[in-house]
Amino acid sequence: MVRISGYHAHVYFDAATLEQARALCEDAAKRFPVKMGRVHERLIGPHPCWSCQLAFRADLFAGLVPWLMLNRGGLDVLLHPITGNELRDHRDCAMWIGRSHVLDLSVLDDAED
């Protein structure tokens, strides 16, 4: 059985929504015990937009995800589990809040950790 050790929420933004995304992620980090990553003003990994990652424990899903749904202000958010297989996590197990985007899956590892 595959174990979910946590989740990532990637908040997508562009130059026009940079400060909105930063404020959303900072607010999430104040309200929930999440780890806020860098606010990337460039493409990184499989992400086709600028993004900021929120890493969180599985037990926070039921509180954080509805909060993101209600407070994202039109920003798109990719949610995926952390199972040890990056490709599966992003391709087969991901969900979107807002509009979905095409990821560059070629940069992800298909091996189990």
C-alpha atoms as a PDB file:
ATOM      1  CA  MET A   1       0.000   0.000   0.000  1.00  0.00           C
ATOM      2  CA  VAL A   2       1.246   3.473  -0.881  1.00  0.00           C
ATOM      3  CA  ARG A   3       1.700   5.775   2.097  1.00  0.00           C
ATOM      4  CA  ILE A   4       1.057   9.534   1.897  1.00  0.00           C
ATOM      5  CA  SER A   5       3.625  11.278   4.084  1.00  0.00           C
ATOM      6  CA  GLY A   6       2.298  14.771   3.397  1.00  0.00           C
ATOM      7  CA  TYR A   7       1.164  17.134   0.665  1.00  0.00           C
ATOM      8  CA  HIS A   8       2.365  20.039  -1.417  1.00  0.00           C
ATOM      9  CA  ALA A   9       0.150  22.915  -2.492  1.00  0.00           C
ATOM     10  CA  HIS A  10       1.733  24.947  -5.286  1.00  0.00           C
ATOM     11  CA  VAL A  11       0.187  28.404  -5.601  1.00  0.00           C
ATOM     12  CA  TYR A  12       0.575  29.691  -9.164  1.00  0.00           C
ATOM     13  CA  PHE A  13       0.941  33.365 -10.020  1.00  0.00           C
ATOM     14  CA  ASP A  14       2.425  35.842 -12.478  1.00  0.00           C
ATOM     15  CA  ALA A  15       3.892  39.351 -12.218  1.00  0.00           C
ATOM     16  CA  ALA A  16       0.439  40.891 -11.791  1.00  0.00           C
ATOM     17  CA  THR A  17      -0.554  38.538  -8.939  1.00  0.00           C
ATOM     18  CA  LEU A  18       2.856  38.177  -7.218  1.00  0.00           C
ATOM     19  CA  GLU A  19       1.942  40.147  -4.092  1.00  0.00           C
ATOM     20  CA  GLN A  20      -1.456  38.457  -3.839  1.00  0.00           C
ATOM     21  CA  ALA A  21       0.220  35.033  -3.939  1.00  0.00           C
ATOM     22  CA  ARG A  22       2.862  36.047  -1.422  1.00  0.00           C
ATOM     23  CA  ALA A  23       0.170  37.335   0.959  1.00  0.00           C
ATOM     24  CA  LEU A  24      -1.895  34.154   0.557  1.00  0.00           C
ATOM     25  CA  CYS A  25       1.076  31.903   1.301  1.00  0.00           C
ATOM     26  CA  GLU A  26       2.225  34.018   4.251  1.00  0.00           C
ATOM     27  CA  ASP A  27      -1.307  34.008   5.653  1.00  0.00           C
ATOM     28  CA  ALA A  28      -1.504  30.213   5.269  1.00  0.00           C
ATOM     29  CA  ALA A  29       1.840  29.879   7.094  1.00  0.00           C
ATOM     30  CA  LYS A  30       0.520  32.023   9.967  1.00  0.00           C
ATOM     31  CA  ARG A  31      -2.760  30.098  10.270  1.00  0.00           C
ATOM     32  CA  PHE A  32      -1.483  26.545   9.755  1.00  0.00           C
ATOM     33  CA  PRO A  33       1.745  24.680  10.612  1.00  0.00           C
ATOM     34  CA  VAL A  34       2.889  24.576   6.982  1.00  0.00           C
ATOM     35  CA  LYS A  35       6.342  25.131   5.543  1.00  0.00           C
ATOM     36  CA  MET A  36       6.263  27.980   3.041  1.00  0.00           C
ATOM     37  CA  GLY A  37       8.830  27.644   0.294  1.00  0.00           C
ATOM     38  CA  ARG A  38      10.398  30.359  -1.810  1.00  0.00           C
ATOM     39  CA  VAL A  39       8.246  32.620  -3.922  1.00  0.00           C
ATOM     40  CA  HIS A  40       9.721  31.630  -7.298  1.00  0.00           C
ATOM     41  CA  GLU A  41       9.574  34.390  -9.884  1.00  0.00           C
ATOM     42  CA  ARG A  42      10.712  31.906 -12.528  1.00  0.00           C
ATOM     43  CA  LEU A  43       9.716  28.480 -13.735  1.00  0.00           C
ATOM     44  CA  ILE A  44      10.933  25.652 -11.553  1.00  0.00           C
ATOM     45  CA  GLY A  45      10.517  21.882 -11.783  1.00  0.00           C
ATOM     46  CA  PRO A  46       7.424  20.766 -13.676  1.00  0.00           C
ATOM     47  CA  HIS A  47       5.526  23.992 -13.032  1.00  0.00           C
ATOM     48  CA  PRO A  48       4.510  26.093 -16.069  1.00  0.00           C
ATOM     49  CA  CYS A  49       3.960  29.217 -13.950  1.00  0.00           C
ATOM     50  CA  TRP A  50       5.749  31.058 -11.195  1.00  0.00           C
ATOM     51  CA  SER A  51       4.857  29.361  -7.917  1.00  0.00           C
ATOM     52  CA  CYS A  52       5.187  29.118  -4.169  1.00  0.00           C
ATOM     53  CA  GLN A  53       5.044  25.772  -2.405  1.00  0.00           C
ATOM     54  CA  LEU A  54       3.247  25.070   0.843  1.00  0.00           C
ATOM     55  CA  ALA A  55       4.347  21.741   2.346  1.00  0.00           C
ATOM     56  CA  PHE A  56       2.082  20.235   4.986  1.00  0.00           C
ATOM     57  CA  ARG A  57       1.306  17.096   6.956  1.00  0.00           C
ATOM     58  CA  ALA A  58      -1.494  14.799   5.847  1.00  0.00           C
ATOM     59  CA  ASP A  59      -3.537  15.548   8.965  1.00  0.00           C
ATOM     60  CA  LEU A  60      -3.801  19.230   7.919  1.00  0.00           C
ATOM     61  CA  PHE A  61      -5.502  18.465   4.584  1.00  0.00           C
ATOM     62  CA  ALA A  62      -9.084  18.823   5.869  1.00  0.00           C
ATOM     63  CA  GLY A  63      -8.393  22.260   7.320  1.00  0.00           C
ATOM     64  CA  LEU A  64      -5.933  23.809   4.878  1.00  0.00           C
ATOM     65  CA  VAL A  65      -7.464  22.757   1.555  1.00  0.00           C
ATOM     66  CA  PRO A  66     -10.938  24.250   2.209  1.00  0.00           C
ATOM     67  CA  TRP A  67      -9.221  27.401   3.470  1.00  0.00           C
ATOM     68  CA  LEU A  68      -7.250  27.626   0.197  1.00  0.00           C
ATOM     69  CA  MET A  69     -10.462  27.033  -1.784  1.00  0.00           C
ATOM     70  CA  LEU A  70     -12.153  29.971  -0.095  1.00  0.00           C
ATOM     71  CA  ASN A  71      -9.188  32.349   0.107  1.00  0.00           C
ATOM     72  CA  ARG A  72      -7.199  31.832  -3.112  1.00  0.00           C
ATOM     73  CA  GLY A  73      -8.715  34.922  -4.736  1.00  0.00           C
ATOM     74  CA  GLY A  74      -8.696  33.436  -8.221  1.00  0.00           C
ATOM     75  CA  LEU A  75      -5.155  32.023  -8.041  1.00  0.00           C
ATOM     76  CA  ASP A  76      -4.687  28.468  -9.297  1.00  0.00           C
ATOM     77  CA  VAL A  77      -3.375  25.858  -6.867  1.00  0.00           C
ATOM     78  CA  LEU A  78      -1.931  22.425  -7.625  1.00  0.00           C
ATOM     79  CA  LEU A  79      -2.282  19.912  -4.786  1.00  0.00           C
ATOM     80  CA  HIS A  80      -0.468  16.593  -4.755  1.00  0.00           C
ATOM     81  CA  PRO A  81       0.499  13.954  -2.205  1.00  0.00           C
ATOM     82  CA  ILE A  82       4.050  13.060  -1.281  1.00  0.00           C
ATOM     83  CA  THR A  83       4.393   9.294  -1.696  1.00  0.00           C
ATOM     84  CA  GLY A  84       7.977   8.915  -2.859  1.00  0.00           C
ATOM     85  CA  ASN A  85       7.134   8.763  -6.571  1.00  0.00           C
ATOM     86  CA  GLU A  86       7.245  12.302  -8.008  1.00  0.00           C
ATOM     87  CA  LEU A  87       5.809  11.361 -11.396  1.00  0.00           C
ATOM     88  CA  ARG A  88       2.824   9.495  -9.999  1.00  0.00           C
ATOM     89  CA  ASP A  89       2.194  12.203  -7.395  1.00  0.00           C
ATOM     90  CA  HIS A  90       2.038  14.986 -10.014  1.00  0.00           C
ATOM     91  CA  ARG A  91       0.474  13.038 -12.909  1.00  0.00           C
ATOM     92  CA  ASP A  92      -1.940  10.542 -11.380  1.00  0.00           C
ATOM     93  CA  CYS A  93      -2.741  11.820  -7.901  1.00  0.00           C
ATOM     94  CA  ALA A  94      -2.868  15.606  -8.268  1.00  0.00           C
ATOM     95  CA  MET A  95      -5.908  17.813  -7.932  1.00  0.00           C
ATOM     96  CA  TRP A  96      -6.479  21.440  -8.811  1.00  0.00           C
ATOM     97  CA  ILE A  97      -8.183  24.356  -7.152  1.00  0.00           C
ATOM     98  CA  GLY A  98      -9.045  26.722  -9.973  1.00  0.00           C
ATOM     99  CA  ARG A  99      -7.817  26.170 -13.489  1.00  0.00           C
ATOM    100  CA  SER A 100      -5.555  23.212 -14.285  1.00  0.00           C
ATOM    101  CA  HIS A 101      -2.259  23.638 -16.112  1.00  0.00           C
ATOM    102  CA  VAL A 102      -0.130  21.268 -18.192  1.00  0.00           C
ATOM    103  CA  LEU A 103       2.953  20.215 -16.226  1.00  0.00           C
ATOM    104  CA  ASP A 104       6.354  19.321 -17.690  1.00  0.00           C
ATOM    105  CA  LEU A 105       6.382  15.745 -16.436  1.00  0.00           C
ATOM    106  CA  SER A 106       9.690  14.963 -18.156  1.00  0.00           C
ATOM    107  CA  VAL A 107      11.599  16.477 -15.218  1.00  0.00           C
ATOM    108  CA  LEU A 108      10.022  14.181 -12.605  1.00  0.00           C
ATOM    109  CA  ASP A 109      11.462  10.913 -11.289  1.00  0.00           C
ATOM    110  CA  ASP A 110       9.334   7.782 -11.682  1.00  0.00           C
ATOM    111  CA  ALA A 111      11.295   5.819  -9.088  1.00  0.00           C
ATOM    112  CA  GLU A 112      10.124   5.064  -5.574  1.00  0.00           C
ATOM    113  CA  ASP A 113      12.093   6.713  -2.767  1.00  0.00           C
END
